[in-house]
Amino acid sequence: MTACRDEHRNCVDAQNHIVSDSGCQAGGSGAHYIYGGSSGGHVGDAVVGGGVSRGGFGGIGGSGHGGGE
């Protein structure tokens, strides 16, 4: 099945500049996917708008490990 949305995704760095998809697949690089948004579509272009995927590698924010209670 396909997703309900027809949005494209871009792999971006912390400044929302497009990087190669391998940056998002490697994990630990700080790169993450943005779905939707607008850009020139080329590596180095800034993406404006869109939504961030928090699943998988490269999510923004701290780790989910809290260390004991």
PDB file of N, CA and C in Angstrom:
ATOM      1  N   MET A   1       0.820  -1.177   0.000  1.00  0.00           N
ATOM      2  CA  MET A   1       0.000   0.000   0.000  1.00  0.00           C
ATOM      3  C   MET A   1       0.866   1.245   0.000  1.00  0.00           C
ATOM      4  N   THR A   2       0.332   2.313  -0.562  1.00  0.00           N
ATOM      5  CA  THR A   2       1.075   3.564  -0.565  1.00  0.00           C
ATOM      6  C   THR A   2       0.553   4.472   0.526  1.00  0.00           C
ATOM      7  N   ALA A   3       1.359   5.432   0.896  1.00  0.00           N
ATOM      8  CA  ALA A   3       0.959   6.375   1.943  1.00  0.00           C
ATOM      9  C   ALA A   3      -0.158   7.275   1.432  1.00  0.00           C
ATOM     10  N   CYS A   4      -0.926   7.813   2.350  1.00  0.00           N
ATOM     11  CA  CYS A   4      -2.033   8.700   1.987  1.00  0.00           C
ATOM     12  C   CYS A   4      -1.517  10.004   1.395  1.00  0.00           C
ATOM     13  N   ARG A   5      -0.378  10.454   1.867  1.00  0.00           N
ATOM     14  CA  ARG A   5       0.163  11.712   1.385  1.00  0.00           C
ATOM     15  C   ARG A   5       1.007  11.472   0.146  1.00  0.00           C
ATOM     16  N   ASP A   6       1.059  12.475  -0.702  1.00  0.00           N
ATOM     17  CA  ASP A   6       1.820  12.400  -1.937  1.00  0.00           C
ATOM     18  C   ASP A   6       3.077  13.257  -1.831  1.00  0.00           C
ATOM     19  N   GLU A   7       3.501  13.572  -0.606  1.00  0.00           N
ATOM     20  CA  GLU A   7       4.627  14.460  -0.393  1.00  0.00           C
ATOM     21  C   GLU A   7       5.950  13.759  -0.652  1.00  0.00           C
ATOM     22  N   HIS A   8       6.901  14.535  -1.120  1.00  0.00           N
ATOM     23  CA  HIS A   8       8.255  14.024  -1.293  1.00  0.00           C
ATOM     24  C   HIS A   8       9.022  14.217   0.011  1.00  0.00           C
ATOM     25  N   ARG A   9      10.203  13.641   0.091  1.00  0.00           N
ATOM     26  CA  ARG A   9      11.019  13.844   1.287  1.00  0.00           C
ATOM     27  C   ARG A   9      12.423  14.223   0.854  1.00  0.00           C
ATOM     28  N   ASN A  10      13.074  14.979   1.714  1.00  0.00           N
ATOM     29  CA  ASN A  10      14.461  15.368   1.509  1.00  0.00           C
ATOM     30  C   ASN A  10      15.245  15.022   2.757  1.00  0.00           C
ATOM     31  N   CYS A  11      16.446  14.515   2.582  1.00  0.00           N
ATOM     32  CA  CYS A  11      17.365  14.302   3.694  1.00  0.00           C
ATOM     33  C   CYS A  11      18.120  15.611   3.885  1.00  0.00           C
ATOM     34  N   VAL A  12      18.060  16.158   5.107  1.00  0.00           N
ATOM     35  CA  VAL A  12      18.680  17.457   5.373  1.00  0.00           C
ATOM     36  C   VAL A  12      19.583  17.400   6.597  1.00  0.00           C
ATOM     37  N   ASP A  13      20.490  18.382   6.674  1.00  0.00           N
ATOM     38  CA  ASP A  13      21.355  18.497   7.848  1.00  0.00           C
ATOM     39  C   ASP A  13      20.672  19.363   8.901  1.00  0.00           C
ATOM     40  N   ALA A  14      21.380  19.713   9.956  1.00  0.00           N
ATOM     41  CA  ALA A  14      20.799  20.475  11.068  1.00  0.00           C
ATOM     42  C   ALA A  14      20.331  21.871  10.653  1.00  0.00           C
ATOM     43  N   GLN A  15      20.861  22.403   9.552  1.00  0.00           N
ATOM     44  CA  GLN A  15      20.463  23.719   9.061  1.00  0.00           C
ATOM     45  C   GLN A  15      19.413  23.625   7.953  1.00  0.00           C
ATOM     46  N   ASN A  16      18.837  22.419   7.770  1.00  0.00           N
ATOM     47  CA  ASN A  16      17.815  22.150   6.749  1.00  0.00           C
ATOM     48  C   ASN A  16      18.313  22.323   5.322  1.00  0.00           C
ATOM     49  N   HIS A  17      19.613  22.083   5.093  1.00  0.00           N
ATOM     50  CA  HIS A  17      20.153  22.053   3.742  1.00  0.00           C
ATOM     51  C   HIS A  17      20.173  20.600   3.277  1.00  0.00           C
ATOM     52  N   ILE A  18      19.751  20.373   2.032  1.00  0.00           N
ATOM     53  CA  ILE A  18      19.661  19.018   1.495  1.00  0.00           C
ATOM     54  C   ILE A  18      21.036  18.370   1.431  1.00  0.00           C
ATOM     55  N   VAL A  19      21.111  17.134   1.911  1.00  0.00           N
ATOM     56  CA  VAL A  19      22.305  16.293   1.804  1.00  0.00           C
ATOM     57  C   VAL A  19      21.879  14.993   1.125  1.00  0.00           C
ATOM     58  N   SER A  20      22.833  14.157   0.749  1.00  0.00           N
ATOM     59  CA  SER A  20      22.490  12.899   0.095  1.00  0.00           C
ATOM     60  C   SER A  20      21.731  11.985   1.055  1.00  0.00           C
ATOM     61  N   ASP A  21      20.884  11.109   0.514  1.00  0.00           N
ATOM     62  CA  ASP A  21      20.103  10.190   1.339  1.00  0.00           C
ATOM     63  C   ASP A  21      20.983   9.319   2.227  1.00  0.00           C
ATOM     64  N   SER A  22      22.222   9.084   1.827  1.00  0.00           N
ATOM     65  CA  SER A  22      23.100   8.251   2.646  1.00  0.00           C
ATOM     66  C   SER A  22      23.339   8.886   4.018  1.00  0.00           C
ATOM     67  N   GLY A  23      23.226  10.212   4.129  1.00  0.00           N
ATOM     68  CA  GLY A  23      23.370  10.886   5.418  1.00  0.00           C
ATOM     69  C   GLY A  23      22.281  10.482   6.388  1.00  0.00           C
ATOM     70  N   CYS A  24      21.064  10.294   5.899  1.00  0.00           N
ATOM     71  CA  CYS A  24      19.947   9.891   6.760  1.00  0.00           C
ATOM     72  C   CYS A  24      20.008   8.397   7.057  1.00  0.00           C
ATOM     73  N   GLN A  25      20.535   7.626   6.163  1.00  0.00           N
ATOM     74  CA  GLN A  25      20.584   6.181   6.345  1.00  0.00           C
ATOM     75  C   GLN A  25      21.725   5.752   7.245  1.00  0.00           C
ATOM     76  N   ALA A  26      22.777   6.565   7.344  1.00  0.00           N
ATOM     77  CA  ALA A  26      23.947   6.216   8.142  1.00  0.00           C
ATOM     78  C   ALA A  26      23.661   6.298   9.637  1.00  0.00           C
ATOM     79  N   GLY A  27      22.794   7.211  10.054  1.00  0.00           N
ATOM     80  CA  GLY A  27      22.520   7.385  11.478  1.00  0.00           C
ATOM     81  C   GLY A  27      23.688   8.054  12.181  1.00  0.00           C
ATOM     82  N   GLY A  28      23.413   8.791  13.216  1.00  0.00           N
ATOM     83  CA  GLY A  28      24.456   9.427  14.003  1.00  0.00           C
ATOM     84  C   GLY A  28      25.049  10.672  13.367  1.00  0.00           C
ATOM     85  N   SER A  29      24.659  11.008  12.144  1.00  0.00           N
ATOM     86  CA  SER A  29      25.243  12.166  11.474  1.00  0.00           C
ATOM     87  C   SER A  29      24.467  13.448  11.749  1.00  0.00           C
ATOM     88  N   GLY A  30      23.309  13.347  12.391  1.00  0.00           N
ATOM     89  CA  GLY A  30      22.471  14.510  12.635  1.00  0.00           C
ATOM     90  C   GLY A  30      21.539  14.819  11.479  1.00  0.00           C
ATOM     91  N   ALA A  31      21.670  14.102  10.372  1.00  0.00           N
ATOM     92  CA  ALA A  31      20.780  14.299   9.231  1.00  0.00           C
ATOM     93  C   ALA A  31      19.425  13.655   9.532  1.00  0.00           C
ATOM     94  N   HIS A  32      18.378  14.203   8.936  1.00  0.00           N
ATOM     95  CA  HIS A  32      17.029  13.691   9.139  1.00  0.00           C
ATOM     96  C   HIS A  32      16.194  13.986   7.901  1.00  0.00           C
ATOM     97  N   TYR A  33      15.059  13.318   7.781  1.00  0.00           N
ATOM     98  CA  TYR A  33      14.169  13.555   6.651  1.00  0.00           C
ATOM     99  C   TYR A  33      13.155  14.639   6.975  1.00  0.00           C
ATOM    100  N   ILE A  34      12.881  15.474   5.983  1.00  0.00           N
ATOM    101  CA  ILE A  34      11.774  16.428   6.031  1.00  0.00           C
ATOM    102  C   ILE A  34      10.827  16.034   4.909  1.00  0.00           C
ATOM    103  N   TYR A  35       9.558  15.894   5.256  1.00  0.00           N
ATOM    104  CA  TYR A  35       8.531  15.528   4.284  1.00  0.00           C
ATOM    105  C   TYR A  35       7.782  16.778   3.854  1.00  0.00           C
ATOM    106  N   GLY A  36       7.615  16.940   2.545  1.00  0.00           N
ATOM    107  CA  GLY A  36       6.967  18.135   2.015  1.00  0.00           C
ATOM    108  C   GLY A  36       7.973  19.272   1.988  1.00  0.00           C
ATOM    109  N   GLY A  37       7.513  20.468   2.168  1.00  0.00           N
ATOM    110  CA  GLY A  37       8.391  21.626   2.140  1.00  0.00           C
ATOM    111  C   GLY A  37       8.757  21.991   0.711  1.00  0.00           C
ATOM    112  N   SER A  38       9.457  23.093   0.563  1.00  0.00           N
ATOM    113  CA  SER A  38       9.869  23.525  -0.762  1.00  0.00           C
ATOM    114  C   SER A  38      11.358  23.805  -0.771  1.00  0.00           C
ATOM    115  N   SER A  39      11.976  23.521  -1.918  1.00  0.00           N
ATOM    116  CA  SER A  39      13.403  23.741  -2.099  1.00  0.00           C
ATOM    117  C   SER A  39      13.692  23.698  -3.589  1.00  0.00           C
ATOM    118  N   GLY A  40      14.939  23.919  -3.937  1.00  0.00           N
ATOM    119  CA  GLY A  40      15.345  23.783  -5.329  1.00  0.00           C
ATOM    120  C   GLY A  40      15.522  22.326  -5.724  1.00  0.00           C
ATOM    121  N   GLY A  41      15.569  21.435  -4.703  1.00  0.00           N
ATOM    122  CA  GLY A  41      15.672  20.005  -4.962  1.00  0.00           C
ATOM    123  C   GLY A  41      17.076  19.485  -5.185  1.00  0.00           C
ATOM    124  N   HIS A  42      18.080  20.322  -4.968  1.00  0.00           N
ATOM    125  CA  HIS A  42      19.464  19.897  -5.190  1.00  0.00           C
ATOM    126  C   HIS A  42      20.242  19.903  -3.878  1.00  0.00           C
ATOM    127  N   VAL A  43      21.270  19.057  -3.788  1.00  0.00           N
ATOM    128  CA  VAL A  43      22.123  19.023  -2.603  1.00  0.00           C
ATOM    129  C   VAL A  43      22.642  20.430  -2.320  1.00  0.00           C
ATOM    130  N   GLY A  44      22.510  20.862  -1.065  1.00  0.00           N
ATOM    131  CA  GLY A  44      22.957  22.182  -0.642  1.00  0.00           C
ATOM    132  C   GLY A  44      21.834  23.201  -0.562  1.00  0.00           C
ATOM    133  N   ASP A  45      20.708  22.953  -1.256  1.00  0.00           N
ATOM    134  CA  ASP A  45      19.569  23.867  -1.194  1.00  0.00           C
ATOM    135  C   ASP A  45      18.893  23.773   0.168  1.00  0.00           C
ATOM    136  N   ALA A  46      18.369  24.886   0.651  1.00  0.00           N
ATOM    137  CA  ALA A  46      17.629  24.904   1.915  1.00  0.00           C
ATOM    138  C   ALA A  46      16.194  24.469   1.672  1.00  0.00           C
ATOM    139  N   VAL A  47      15.628  23.712   2.622  1.00  0.00           N
ATOM    140  CA  VAL A  47      14.233  23.302   2.567  1.00  0.00           C
ATOM    141  C   VAL A  47      13.448  24.189   3.518  1.00  0.00           C
ATOM    142  N   VAL A  48      12.339  24.741   3.026  1.00  0.00           N
ATOM    143  CA  VAL A  48      11.496  25.620   3.818  1.00  0.00           C
ATOM    144  C   VAL A  48      10.160  24.926   4.034  1.00  0.00           C
ATOM    145  N   GLY A  49       9.710  24.867   5.294  1.00  0.00           N
ATOM    146  CA  GLY A  49       8.444  24.224   5.619  1.00  0.00           C
ATOM    147  C   GLY A  49       8.605  22.720   5.674  1.00  0.00           C
ATOM    148  N   GLY A  50       7.500  22.015   5.650  1.00  0.00           N
ATOM    149  CA  GLY A  50       7.531  20.553   5.710  1.00  0.00           C
ATOM    150  C   GLY A  50       7.513  20.052   7.136  1.00  0.00           C
ATOM    151  N   GLY A  51       7.457  18.745   7.268  1.00  0.00           N
ATOM    152  CA  GLY A  51       7.402  18.113   8.577  1.00  0.00           C
ATOM    153  C   GLY A  51       8.549  17.141   8.757  1.00  0.00           C
ATOM    154  N   VAL A  52       9.022  17.016   9.964  1.00  0.00           N
ATOM    155  CA  VAL A  52      10.169  16.168  10.281  1.00  0.00           C
ATOM    156  C   VAL A  52       9.707  14.786  10.697  1.00  0.00           C
ATOM    157  N   SER A  53      10.348  13.761  10.171  1.00  0.00           N
ATOM    158  CA  SER A  53      10.085  12.389  10.607  1.00  0.00           C
ATOM    159  C   SER A  53      10.910  12.113  11.845  1.00  0.00           C
ATOM    160  N   ARG A  54      10.283  11.628  12.888  1.00  0.00           N
ATOM    161  CA  ARG A  54      11.017  11.320  14.112  1.00  0.00           C
ATOM    162  C   ARG A  54      11.274   9.837  14.256  1.00  0.00           C
ATOM    163  N   GLY A  55      10.837   9.031  13.307  1.00  0.00           N
ATOM    164  CA  GLY A  55      11.052   7.592  13.384  1.00  0.00           C
ATOM    165  C   GLY A  55      12.392   7.217  12.800  1.00  0.00           C
ATOM    166  N   GLY A  56      12.968   6.133  13.243  1.00  0.00           N
ATOM    167  CA  GLY A  56      14.216   5.621  12.680  1.00  0.00           C
ATOM    168  C   GLY A  56      15.413   6.445  13.099  1.00  0.00           C
ATOM    169  N   PHE A  57      16.476   6.342  12.332  1.00  0.00           N
ATOM    170  CA  PHE A  57      17.713   7.047  12.636  1.00  0.00           C
ATOM    171  C   PHE A  57      17.599   8.510  12.262  1.00  0.00           C
ATOM    172  N   GLY A  58      18.400   9.331  12.883  1.00  0.00           N
ATOM    173  CA  GLY A  58      18.508  10.720  12.517  1.00  0.00           C
ATOM    174  C   GLY A  58      17.434  11.625  13.063  1.00  0.00           C
ATOM    175  N   GLY A  59      16.612  11.166  14.002  1.00  0.00           N
ATOM    176  CA  GLY A  59      15.572  12.018  14.570  1.00  0.00           C
ATOM    177  C   GLY A  59      16.169  13.154  15.367  1.00  0.00           C
ATOM    178  N   ILE A  60      15.437  14.229  15.444  1.00  0.00           N
ATOM    179  CA  ILE A  60      15.911  15.390  16.188  1.00  0.00           C
ATOM    180  C   ILE A  60      15.517  15.236  17.649  1.00  0.00           C
ATOM    181  N   GLY A  61      16.350  15.733  18.533  1.00  0.00           N
ATOM    182  CA  GLY A  61      16.033  15.705  19.955  1.00  0.00           C
ATOM    183  C   GLY A  61      16.937  14.724  20.677  1.00  0.00           C
ATOM    184  N   GLY A  62      16.735  14.630  21.959  1.00  0.00           N
ATOM    185  CA  GLY A  62      17.559  13.746  22.779  1.00  0.00           C
ATOM    186  C   GLY A  62      17.195  12.292  22.597  1.00  0.00           C
ATOM    187  N   SER A  63      18.003  11.438  23.123  1.00  0.00           N
ATOM    188  CA  SER A  63      17.687  10.015  23.050  1.00  0.00           C
ATOM    189  C   SER A  63      16.539   9.731  24.008  1.00  0.00           C
ATOM    190  N   GLY A  64      15.877   8.638  23.818  1.00  0.00           N
ATOM    191  CA  GLY A  64      14.751   8.324  24.671  1.00  0.00           C
ATOM    192  C   GLY A  64      15.132   7.569  25.923  1.00  0.00           C
ATOM    193  N   HIS A  65      16.391   7.480  26.239  1.00  0.00           N
ATOM    194  CA  HIS A  65      16.851   6.699  27.390  1.00  0.00           C
ATOM    195  C   HIS A  65      17.001   7.600  28.601  1.00  0.00           C
ATOM    196  N   GLY A  66      16.258   7.330  29.649  1.00  0.00           N
ATOM    197  CA  GLY A  66      16.265   8.192  30.814  1.00  0.00           C
ATOM    198  C   GLY A  66      17.161   7.717  31.929  1.00  0.00           C
ATOM    199  N   GLY A  67      17.692   6.662  31.969  1.00  0.00           N
ATOM    200  CA  GLY A  67      18.591   6.186  33.008  1.00  0.00           C
ATOM    201  C   GLY A  67      17.946   5.836  34.306  1.00  0.00           C
ATOM    202  N   GLY A  68      17.474   5.157  34.947  1.00  0.00           N
ATOM    203  CA  GLY A  68      16.864   4.707  36.151  1.00  0.00           C
ATOM    204  C   GLY A  68      15.912   5.686  36.796  1.00  0.00           C
ATOM    205  N   GLU A  69      15.182   5.234  37.731  1.00  0.00           N
ATOM    206  CA  GLU A  69      14.202   6.095  38.406  1.00  0.00           C
ATOM    207  C   GLU A  69      14.642   6.438  39.781  1.00  0.00           C
TER     208      GLU A  69
END
